[in-house]
Amino acid sequence: MARIRTVAAALRPLLPLHLVRPAVEYRLVKLRAARESGDRGAISIELALAVIVLVAIAGTVVYAITQLGQKVQGNIQKDVPAGGTAP
């Protein structure tokens, strides 16, 4: 649980976690209940859903970085003066 809080704190600026938190907590409760009952099928489904969420978050981060790179690309000077100093 501490790892989840650490990751959530790191992603806080990127994603409004207060919108996603209830769904994640619900899935964690379902996972714990499946683990206690020994239902392997439910455990695998819950873990698959967690992987889907993590892939979606990673995709969002990659998209944001790509958009930022394209936005900043126009500001980078193409001709660097000799000696490497900028004007």
PDB file of N, CA and C in Angstrom:
ATOM      1  N   MET A   1       0.830  -1.190   0.000  1.00  0.00           N
ATOM      2  CA  MET A   1       0.000   0.000   0.000  1.00  0.00           C
ATOM      3  C   MET A   1       0.875   1.255   0.000  1.00  0.00           C
ATOM      4  N   ALA A   2       2.036   1.158   0.649  1.00  0.00           N
ATOM      5  CA  ALA A   2       2.928   2.312   0.694  1.00  0.00           C
ATOM      6  C   ALA A   2       3.468   2.629  -0.695  1.00  0.00           C
ATOM      7  N   ARG A   3       3.734   1.574  -1.492  1.00  0.00           N
ATOM      8  CA  ARG A   3       4.207   1.797  -2.857  1.00  0.00           C
ATOM      9  C   ARG A   3       3.155   2.521  -3.693  1.00  0.00           C
ATOM     10  N   ILE A   4       1.906   2.148  -3.508  1.00  0.00           N
ATOM     11  CA  ILE A   4       0.828   2.793  -4.257  1.00  0.00           C
ATOM     12  C   ILE A   4       0.749   4.265  -3.893  1.00  0.00           C
ATOM     13  N   ARG A   5       0.903   4.575  -2.610  1.00  0.00           N
ATOM     14  CA  ARG A   5       0.876   5.980  -2.195  1.00  0.00           C
ATOM     15  C   ARG A   5       2.051   6.757  -2.774  1.00  0.00           C
ATOM     16  N   THR A   6       3.222   6.119  -2.842  1.00  0.00           N
ATOM     17  CA  THR A   6       4.400   6.771  -3.407  1.00  0.00           C
ATOM     18  C   THR A   6       4.193   7.065  -4.889  1.00  0.00           C
ATOM     19  N   VAL A   7       3.674   6.084  -5.626  1.00  0.00           N
ATOM     20  CA  VAL A   7       3.409   6.276  -7.054  1.00  0.00           C
ATOM     21  C   VAL A   7       2.335   7.335  -7.238  1.00  0.00           C
ATOM     22  N   ALA A   8       1.310   7.295  -6.413  1.00  0.00           N
ATOM     23  CA  ALA A   8       0.234   8.282  -6.516  1.00  0.00           C
ATOM     24  C   ALA A   8       0.763   9.693  -6.259  1.00  0.00           C
ATOM     25  N   ALA A   9       1.658   9.831  -5.305  1.00  0.00           N
ATOM     26  CA  ALA A   9       2.234  11.150  -5.023  1.00  0.00           C
ATOM     27  C   ALA A   9       3.078  11.641  -6.192  1.00  0.00           C
ATOM     28  N   ALA A  10       3.775  10.724  -6.852  1.00  0.00           N
ATOM     29  CA  ALA A  10       4.602  11.117  -7.995  1.00  0.00           C
ATOM     30  C   ALA A  10       3.751  11.503  -9.197  1.00  0.00           C
ATOM     31  N   LEU A  11       2.596  10.874  -9.361  1.00  0.00           N
ATOM     32  CA  LEU A  11       1.741  11.146 -10.523  1.00  0.00           C
ATOM     33  C   LEU A  11       0.710  12.243 -10.270  1.00  0.00           C
ATOM     34  N   ARG A  12       0.661  12.753  -9.065  1.00  0.00           N
ATOM     35  CA  ARG A  12      -0.345  13.764  -8.716  1.00  0.00           C
ATOM     36  C   ARG A  12      -0.385  14.949  -9.680  1.00  0.00           C
ATOM     37  N   PRO A  13       0.758  15.499 -10.111  1.00  0.00           N
ATOM     38  CA  PRO A  13       0.672  16.632 -11.037  1.00  0.00           C
ATOM     39  C   PRO A  13       0.167  16.237 -12.429  1.00  0.00           C
ATOM     40  N   LEU A  14       0.294  14.968 -12.787  1.00  0.00           N
ATOM     41  CA  LEU A  14      -0.063  14.543 -14.131  1.00  0.00           C
ATOM     42  C   LEU A  14      -1.519  14.128 -14.278  1.00  0.00           C
ATOM     43  N   LEU A  15      -2.117  13.662 -13.227  1.00  0.00           N
ATOM     44  CA  LEU A  15      -3.445  13.078 -13.329  1.00  0.00           C
ATOM     45  C   LEU A  15      -4.281  13.504 -12.131  1.00  0.00           C
ATOM     46  N   PRO A  16      -5.496  13.936 -12.359  1.00  0.00           N
ATOM     47  CA  PRO A  16      -6.347  14.265 -11.211  1.00  0.00           C
ATOM     48  C   PRO A  16      -6.774  12.982 -10.502  1.00  0.00           C
ATOM     49  N   LEU A  17      -5.971  12.559  -9.547  1.00  0.00           N
ATOM     50  CA  LEU A  17      -6.185  11.268  -8.889  1.00  0.00           C
ATOM     51  C   LEU A  17      -7.461  11.217  -8.063  1.00  0.00           C
ATOM     52  N   HIS A  18      -7.960  12.361  -7.658  1.00  0.00           N
ATOM     53  CA  HIS A  18      -9.190  12.329  -6.883  1.00  0.00           C
ATOM     54  C   HIS A  18     -10.352  11.802  -7.716  1.00  0.00           C
ATOM     55  N   LEU A  19     -10.227  11.816  -9.037  1.00  0.00           N
ATOM     56  CA  LEU A  19     -11.264  11.249  -9.896  1.00  0.00           C
ATOM     57  C   LEU A  19     -11.086   9.741 -10.084  1.00  0.00           C
ATOM     58  N   VAL A  20      -9.870   9.265 -10.003  1.00  0.00           N
ATOM     59  CA  VAL A  20      -9.573   7.854 -10.260  1.00  0.00           C
ATOM     60  C   VAL A  20      -9.523   7.044  -8.966  1.00  0.00           C
ATOM     61  N   ARG A  21      -9.253   7.709  -7.864  1.00  0.00           N
ATOM     62  CA  ARG A  21      -9.027   7.023  -6.596  1.00  0.00           C
ATOM     63  C   ARG A  21     -10.168   6.101  -6.171  1.00  0.00           C
ATOM     64  N   PRO A  22     -11.443   6.500  -6.251  1.00  0.00           N
ATOM     65  CA  PRO A  22     -12.506   5.573  -5.828  1.00  0.00           C
ATOM     66  C   PRO A  22     -12.528   4.273  -6.639  1.00  0.00           C
ATOM     67  N   ALA A  23     -12.282   4.367  -7.919  1.00  0.00           N
ATOM     68  CA  ALA A  23     -12.271   3.154  -8.741  1.00  0.00           C
ATOM     69  C   ALA A  23     -11.107   2.247  -8.370  1.00  0.00           C
ATOM     70  N   VAL A  24      -9.944   2.830  -8.126  1.00  0.00           N
ATOM     71  CA  VAL A  24      -8.774   2.033  -7.755  1.00  0.00           C
ATOM     72  C   VAL A  24      -8.987   1.387  -6.390  1.00  0.00           C
ATOM     73  N   GLU A  25      -9.529   2.129  -5.456  1.00  0.00           N
ATOM     74  CA  GLU A  25      -9.777   1.564  -4.126  1.00  0.00           C
ATOM     75  C   GLU A  25     -10.794   0.436  -4.195  1.00  0.00           C
ATOM     76  N   TYR A  26     -11.808   0.591  -5.037  1.00  0.00           N
ATOM     77  CA  TYR A  26     -12.813  -0.467  -5.212  1.00  0.00           C
ATOM     78  C   TYR A  26     -12.158  -1.735  -5.752  1.00  0.00           C
ATOM     79  N   ARG A  27     -11.276  -1.579  -6.754  1.00  0.00           N
ATOM     80  CA  ARG A  27     -10.606  -2.741  -7.343  1.00  0.00           C
ATOM     81  C   ARG A  27      -9.693  -3.403  -6.311  1.00  0.00           C
ATOM     82  N   LEU A  28      -9.020  -2.597  -5.466  1.00  0.00           N
ATOM     83  CA  LEU A  28      -8.154  -3.164  -4.433  1.00  0.00           C
ATOM     84  C   LEU A  28      -8.953  -3.952  -3.406  1.00  0.00           C
ATOM     85  N   VAL A  29     -10.123  -3.464  -3.043  1.00  0.00           N
ATOM     86  CA  VAL A  29     -10.982  -4.192  -2.106  1.00  0.00           C
ATOM     87  C   VAL A  29     -11.418  -5.511  -2.729  1.00  0.00           C
ATOM     88  N   LYS A  30     -11.782  -5.486  -4.013  1.00  0.00           N
ATOM     89  CA  LYS A  30     -12.176  -6.722  -4.702  1.00  0.00           C
ATOM     90  C   LYS A  30     -11.008  -7.697  -4.766  1.00  0.00           C
ATOM     91  N   LEU A  31      -9.800  -7.187  -4.996  1.00  0.00           N
ATOM     92  CA  LEU A  31      -8.612  -8.042  -5.054  1.00  0.00           C
ATOM     93  C   LEU A  31      -8.348  -8.690  -3.700  1.00  0.00           C
ATOM     94  N   ARG A  32      -8.437  -7.926  -2.634  1.00  0.00           N
ATOM     95  CA  ARG A  32      -8.220  -8.491  -1.302  1.00  0.00           C
ATOM     96  C   ARG A  32      -9.260  -9.558  -0.971  1.00  0.00           C
ATOM     97  N   ALA A  33     -10.520  -9.299  -1.343  1.00  0.00           N
ATOM     98  CA  ALA A  33     -11.574 -10.282  -1.085  1.00  0.00           C
ATOM     99  C   ALA A  33     -11.341 -11.560  -1.886  1.00  0.00           C
ATOM    100  N   ALA A  34     -10.900 -11.424  -3.123  1.00  0.00           N
ATOM    101  CA  ALA A  34     -10.616 -12.605  -3.942  1.00  0.00           C
ATOM    102  C   ALA A  34      -9.424 -13.371  -3.392  1.00  0.00           C
ATOM    103  N   ARG A  35      -8.427 -12.655  -2.903  1.00  0.00           N
ATOM    104  CA  ARG A  35      -7.249 -13.321  -2.327  1.00  0.00           C
ATOM    105  C   ARG A  35      -7.628 -14.094  -1.069  1.00  0.00           C
ATOM    106  N   GLU A  36      -8.476 -13.494  -0.241  1.00  0.00           N
ATOM    107  CA  GLU A  36      -8.891 -14.168   0.990  1.00  0.00           C
ATOM    108  C   GLU A  36      -9.719 -15.407   0.703  1.00  0.00           C
ATOM    109  N   SER A  37     -10.546 -15.366  -0.326  1.00  0.00           N
ATOM    110  CA  SER A  37     -11.386 -16.518  -0.647  1.00  0.00           C
ATOM    111  C   SER A  37     -10.644 -17.552  -1.492  1.00  0.00           C
ATOM    112  N   GLY A  38      -9.469 -17.191  -2.013  1.00  0.00           N
ATOM    113  CA  GLY A  38      -8.682 -18.133  -2.802  1.00  0.00           C
ATOM    114  C   GLY A  38      -9.162 -18.265  -4.236  1.00  0.00           C
ATOM    115  N   ASP A  39      -9.905 -17.319  -4.719  1.00  0.00           N
ATOM    116  CA  ASP A  39     -10.437 -17.354  -6.089  1.00  0.00           C
ATOM    117  C   ASP A  39      -9.373 -16.854  -7.060  1.00  0.00           C
ATOM    118  N   ARG A  40      -8.667 -17.788  -7.698  1.00  0.00           N
ATOM    119  CA  ARG A  40      -7.563 -17.407  -8.577  1.00  0.00           C
ATOM    120  C   ARG A  40      -8.040 -16.691  -9.831  1.00  0.00           C
ATOM    121  N   GLY A  41      -9.193 -17.055 -10.332  1.00  0.00           N
ATOM    122  CA  GLY A  41      -9.728 -16.388 -11.522  1.00  0.00           C
ATOM    123  C   GLY A  41     -10.004 -14.915 -11.268  1.00  0.00           C
ATOM    124  N   ALA A  42     -10.593 -14.609 -10.124  1.00  0.00           N
ATOM    125  CA  ALA A  42     -10.887 -13.220  -9.776  1.00  0.00           C
ATOM    126  C   ALA A  42      -9.603 -12.438  -9.542  1.00  0.00           C
ATOM    127  N   ILE A  43      -8.602 -13.091  -8.941  1.00  0.00           N
ATOM    128  CA  ILE A  43      -7.327 -12.421  -8.711  1.00  0.00           C
ATOM    129  C   ILE A  43      -6.688 -12.045 -10.042  1.00  0.00           C
ATOM    130  N   SER A  44      -6.706 -12.963 -11.001  1.00  0.00           N
ATOM    131  CA  SER A  44      -6.087 -12.673 -12.296  1.00  0.00           C
ATOM    132  C   SER A  44      -6.843 -11.574 -13.035  1.00  0.00           C
ATOM    133  N   ILE A  45      -8.146 -11.544 -12.910  1.00  0.00           N
ATOM    134  CA  ILE A  45      -8.924 -10.480 -13.551  1.00  0.00           C
ATOM    135  C   ILE A  45      -8.593  -9.133 -12.925  1.00  0.00           C
ATOM    136  N   GLU A  46      -8.532  -9.085 -11.601  1.00  0.00           N
ATOM    137  CA  GLU A  46      -8.216  -7.823 -10.934  1.00  0.00           C
ATOM    138  C   GLU A  46      -6.813  -7.344 -11.299  1.00  0.00           C
ATOM    139  N   LEU A  47      -5.863  -8.269 -11.365  1.00  0.00           N
ATOM    140  CA  LEU A  47      -4.504  -7.875 -11.745  1.00  0.00           C
ATOM    141  C   LEU A  47      -4.443  -7.433 -13.205  1.00  0.00           C
ATOM    142  N   ALA A  48      -5.213  -8.076 -14.074  1.00  0.00           N
ATOM    143  CA  ALA A  48      -5.265  -7.651 -15.473  1.00  0.00           C
ATOM    144  C   ALA A  48      -5.836  -6.239 -15.588  1.00  0.00           C
ATOM    145  N   LEU A  49      -6.852  -5.938 -14.815  1.00  0.00           N
ATOM    146  CA  LEU A  49      -7.410  -4.587 -14.824  1.00  0.00           C
ATOM    147  C   LEU A  49      -6.396  -3.572 -14.305  1.00  0.00           C
ATOM    148  N   ALA A  50      -5.617  -3.958 -13.306  1.00  0.00           N
ATOM    149  CA  ALA A  50      -4.583  -3.056 -12.785  1.00  0.00           C
ATOM    150  C   ALA A  50      -3.526  -2.787 -13.853  1.00  0.00           C
ATOM    151  N   VAL A  51      -3.157  -3.816 -14.616  1.00  0.00           N
ATOM    152  CA  VAL A  51      -2.181  -3.636 -15.689  1.00  0.00           C
ATOM    153  C   VAL A  51      -2.738  -2.707 -16.763  1.00  0.00           C
ATOM    154  N   ILE A  52      -4.005  -2.853 -17.086  1.00  0.00           N
ATOM    155  CA  ILE A  52      -4.631  -1.979 -18.083  1.00  0.00           C
ATOM    156  C   ILE A  52      -4.579  -0.527 -17.619  1.00  0.00           C
ATOM    157  N   VAL A  53      -4.871  -0.293 -16.347  1.00  0.00           N
ATOM    158  CA  VAL A  53      -4.836   1.072 -15.816  1.00  0.00           C
ATOM    159  C   VAL A  53      -3.415   1.626 -15.867  1.00  0.00           C
ATOM    160  N   LEU A  54      -2.434   0.804 -15.497  1.00  0.00           N
ATOM    161  CA  LEU A  54      -1.045   1.272 -15.525  1.00  0.00           C
ATOM    162  C   LEU A  54      -0.582   1.568 -16.950  1.00  0.00           C
ATOM    163  N   VAL A  55      -0.987   0.760 -17.908  1.00  0.00           N
ATOM    164  CA  VAL A  55      -0.629   1.011 -19.309  1.00  0.00           C
ATOM    165  C   VAL A  55      -1.291   2.300 -19.796  1.00  0.00           C
ATOM    166  N   ALA A  56      -2.527   2.531 -19.382  1.00  0.00           N
ATOM    167  CA  ALA A  56      -3.208   3.772 -19.774  1.00  0.00           C
ATOM    168  C   ALA A  56      -2.497   4.990 -19.182  1.00  0.00           C
ATOM    169  N   ILE A  57      -2.064   4.897 -17.938  1.00  0.00           N
ATOM    170  CA  ILE A  57      -1.334   6.005 -17.317  1.00  0.00           C
ATOM    171  C   ILE A  57      -0.010   6.227 -18.032  1.00  0.00           C
ATOM    172  N   ALA A  58       0.689   5.136 -18.348  1.00  0.00           N
ATOM    173  CA  ALA A  58       1.963   5.260 -19.060  1.00  0.00           C
ATOM    174  C   ALA A  58       1.755   5.880 -20.437  1.00  0.00           C
ATOM    175  N   GLY A  59       0.691   5.489 -21.119  1.00  0.00           N
ATOM    176  CA  GLY A  59       0.383   6.079 -22.420  1.00  0.00           C
ATOM    177  C   GLY A  59       0.100   7.562 -22.314  1.00  0.00           C
ATOM    178  N   THR A  60      -0.594   7.957 -21.258  1.00  0.00           N
ATOM    179  CA  THR A  60      -0.881   9.374 -21.044  1.00  0.00           C
ATOM    180  C   THR A  60       0.404  10.159 -20.813  1.00  0.00           C
ATOM    181  N   VAL A  61       1.316   9.586 -20.045  1.00  0.00           N
ATOM    182  CA  VAL A  61       2.593  10.262 -19.780  1.00  0.00           C
ATOM    183  C   VAL A  61       3.400  10.392 -21.069  1.00  0.00           C
ATOM    184  N   VAL A  62       3.461   9.318 -21.868  1.00  0.00           N
ATOM    185  CA  VAL A  62       4.188   9.368 -23.134  1.00  0.00           C
ATOM    186  C   VAL A  62       3.569  10.393 -24.067  1.00  0.00           C
ATOM    187  N   TYR A  63       2.257  10.444 -24.135  1.00  0.00           N
ATOM    188  CA  TYR A  63       1.573  11.421 -24.984  1.00  0.00           C
ATOM    189  C   TYR A  63       1.890  12.849 -24.522  1.00  0.00           C
ATOM    190  N   ALA A  64       1.867  13.080 -23.215  1.00  0.00           N
ATOM    191  CA  ALA A  64       2.153  14.418 -22.695  1.00  0.00           C
ATOM    192  C   ALA A  64       3.588  14.831 -23.014  1.00  0.00           C
ATOM    193  N   ILE A  65       4.519  13.902 -22.863  1.00  0.00           N
ATOM    194  CA  ILE A  65       5.920  14.222 -23.166  1.00  0.00           C
ATOM    195  C   ILE A  65       6.093  14.496 -24.660  1.00  0.00           C
ATOM    196  N   THR A  66       5.434  13.709 -25.499  1.00  0.00           N
ATOM    197  CA  THR A  66       5.514  13.917 -26.946  1.00  0.00           C
ATOM    198  C   THR A  66       4.954  15.277 -27.338  1.00  0.00           C
ATOM    199  N   GLN A  67       3.824  15.640 -26.775  1.00  0.00           N
ATOM    200  CA  GLN A  67       3.227  16.939 -27.080  1.00  0.00           C
ATOM    201  C   GLN A  67       4.118  18.076 -26.602  1.00  0.00           C
ATOM    202  N   LEU A  68       4.708  17.921 -25.440  1.00  0.00           N
ATOM    203  CA  LEU A  68       5.614  18.942 -24.928  1.00  0.00           C
ATOM    204  C   LEU A  68       6.833  19.074 -25.836  1.00  0.00           C
ATOM    205  N   GLY A  69       7.364  17.949 -26.289  1.00  0.00           N
ATOM    206  CA  GLY A  69       8.514  17.978 -27.187  1.00  0.00           C
ATOM    207  C   GLY A  69       8.204  18.663 -28.500  1.00  0.00           C
ATOM    208  N   GLN A  70       7.023  18.414 -29.049  1.00  0.00           N
ATOM    209  CA  GLN A  70       6.639  19.071 -30.302  1.00  0.00           C
ATOM    210  C   GLN A  70       6.413  20.558 -30.103  1.00  0.00           C
ATOM    211  N   LYS A  71       5.893  20.922 -28.951  1.00  0.00           N
ATOM    212  CA  LYS A  71       5.652  22.336 -28.661  1.00  0.00           C
ATOM    213  C   LYS A  71       6.965  23.094 -28.509  1.00  0.00           C
ATOM    214  N   VAL A  72       7.940  22.495 -27.845  1.00  0.00           N
ATOM    215  CA  VAL A  72       9.210  23.152 -27.572  1.00  0.00           C
ATOM    216  C   VAL A  72      10.133  23.104 -28.789  1.00  0.00           C
ATOM    217  N   GLN A  73       9.900  22.178 -29.677  1.00  0.00           N
ATOM    218  CA  GLN A  73      10.773  22.012 -30.838  1.00  0.00           C
ATOM    219  C   GLN A  73      10.886  23.295 -31.658  1.00  0.00           C
ATOM    220  N   GLY A  74       9.828  24.059 -31.767  1.00  0.00           N
ATOM    221  CA  GLY A  74       9.862  25.305 -32.510  1.00  0.00           C
ATOM    222  C   GLY A  74      10.711  26.374 -31.849  1.00  0.00           C
ATOM    223  N   ASN A  75      10.942  26.265 -30.558  1.00  0.00           N
ATOM    224  CA  ASN A  75      11.728  27.258 -29.833  1.00  0.00           C
ATOM    225  C   ASN A  75      13.231  26.975 -29.862  1.00  0.00           C
ATOM    226  N   ILE A  76      13.613  25.797 -30.314  1.00  0.00           N
ATOM    227  CA  ILE A  76      15.024  25.432 -30.346  1.00  0.00           C
ATOM    228  C   ILE A  76      15.663  26.051 -31.583  1.00  0.00           C
ATOM    229  N   GLN A  77      16.770  26.730 -31.387  1.00  0.00           N
ATOM    230  CA  GLN A  77      17.444  27.371 -32.507  1.00  0.00           C
ATOM    231  C   GLN A  77      18.114  26.321 -33.378  1.00  0.00           C
ATOM    232  N   LYS A  78      17.999  26.524 -34.677  1.00  0.00           N
ATOM    233  CA  LYS A  78      18.595  25.567 -35.610  1.00  0.00           C
ATOM    234  C   LYS A  78      20.082  25.874 -35.815  1.00  0.00           C
ATOM    235  N   ASP A  79      20.449  27.151 -35.811  1.00  0.00           N
ATOM    236  CA  ASP A  79      21.837  27.549 -36.029  1.00  0.00           C
ATOM    237  C   ASP A  79      22.482  27.951 -34.710  1.00  0.00           C
ATOM    238  N   VAL A  80      23.433  27.154 -34.292  1.00  0.00           N
ATOM    239  CA  VAL A  80      24.158  27.472 -33.072  1.00  0.00           C
ATOM    240  C   VAL A  80      25.438  28.185 -33.470  1.00  0.00           C
ATOM    241  N   PRO A  81      25.725  29.332 -32.897  1.00  0.00           N
ATOM    242  CA  PRO A  81      26.939  30.066 -33.245  1.00  0.00           C
ATOM    243  C   PRO A  81      28.195  29.253 -32.924  1.00  0.00           C
ATOM    244  N   ALA A  82      29.263  29.580 -33.643  1.00  0.00           N
ATOM    245  CA  ALA A  82      30.540  28.901 -33.382  1.00  0.00           C
ATOM    246  C   ALA A  82      30.982  29.179 -31.959  1.00  0.00           C
ATOM    247  N   GLY A  83      31.466  28.196 -31.301  1.00  0.00           N
ATOM    248  CA  GLY A  83      31.877  28.349 -29.917  1.00  0.00           C
ATOM    249  C   GLY A  83      30.817  27.881 -28.954  1.00  0.00           C
ATOM    250  N   GLY A  84      29.636  27.605 -29.436  1.00  0.00           N
ATOM    251  CA  GLY A  84      28.581  27.039 -28.615  1.00  0.00           C
ATOM    252  C   GLY A  84      27.867  28.006 -27.696  1.00  0.00           C
ATOM    253  N   THR A  85      28.052  29.305 -27.892  1.00  0.00           N
ATOM    254  CA  THR A  85      27.338  30.253 -27.027  1.00  0.00           C
ATOM    255  C   THR A  85      26.117  30.766 -27.755  1.00  0.00           C
ATOM    256  N   ALA A  86      25.062  30.898 -27.048  1.00  0.00           N
ATOM    257  CA  ALA A  86      23.820  31.406 -27.620  1.00  0.00           C
ATOM    258  C   ALA A  86      23.829  32.932 -27.565  1.00  0.00           C
ATOM    259  N   PRO A  87      23.123  33.588 -28.467  1.00  0.00           N
ATOM    260  CA  PRO A  87      23.109  35.058 -28.449  1.00  0.00           C
ATOM    261  C   PRO A  87      22.436  35.615 -27.223  1.00  0.00           C
TER     262      PRO A  87
END
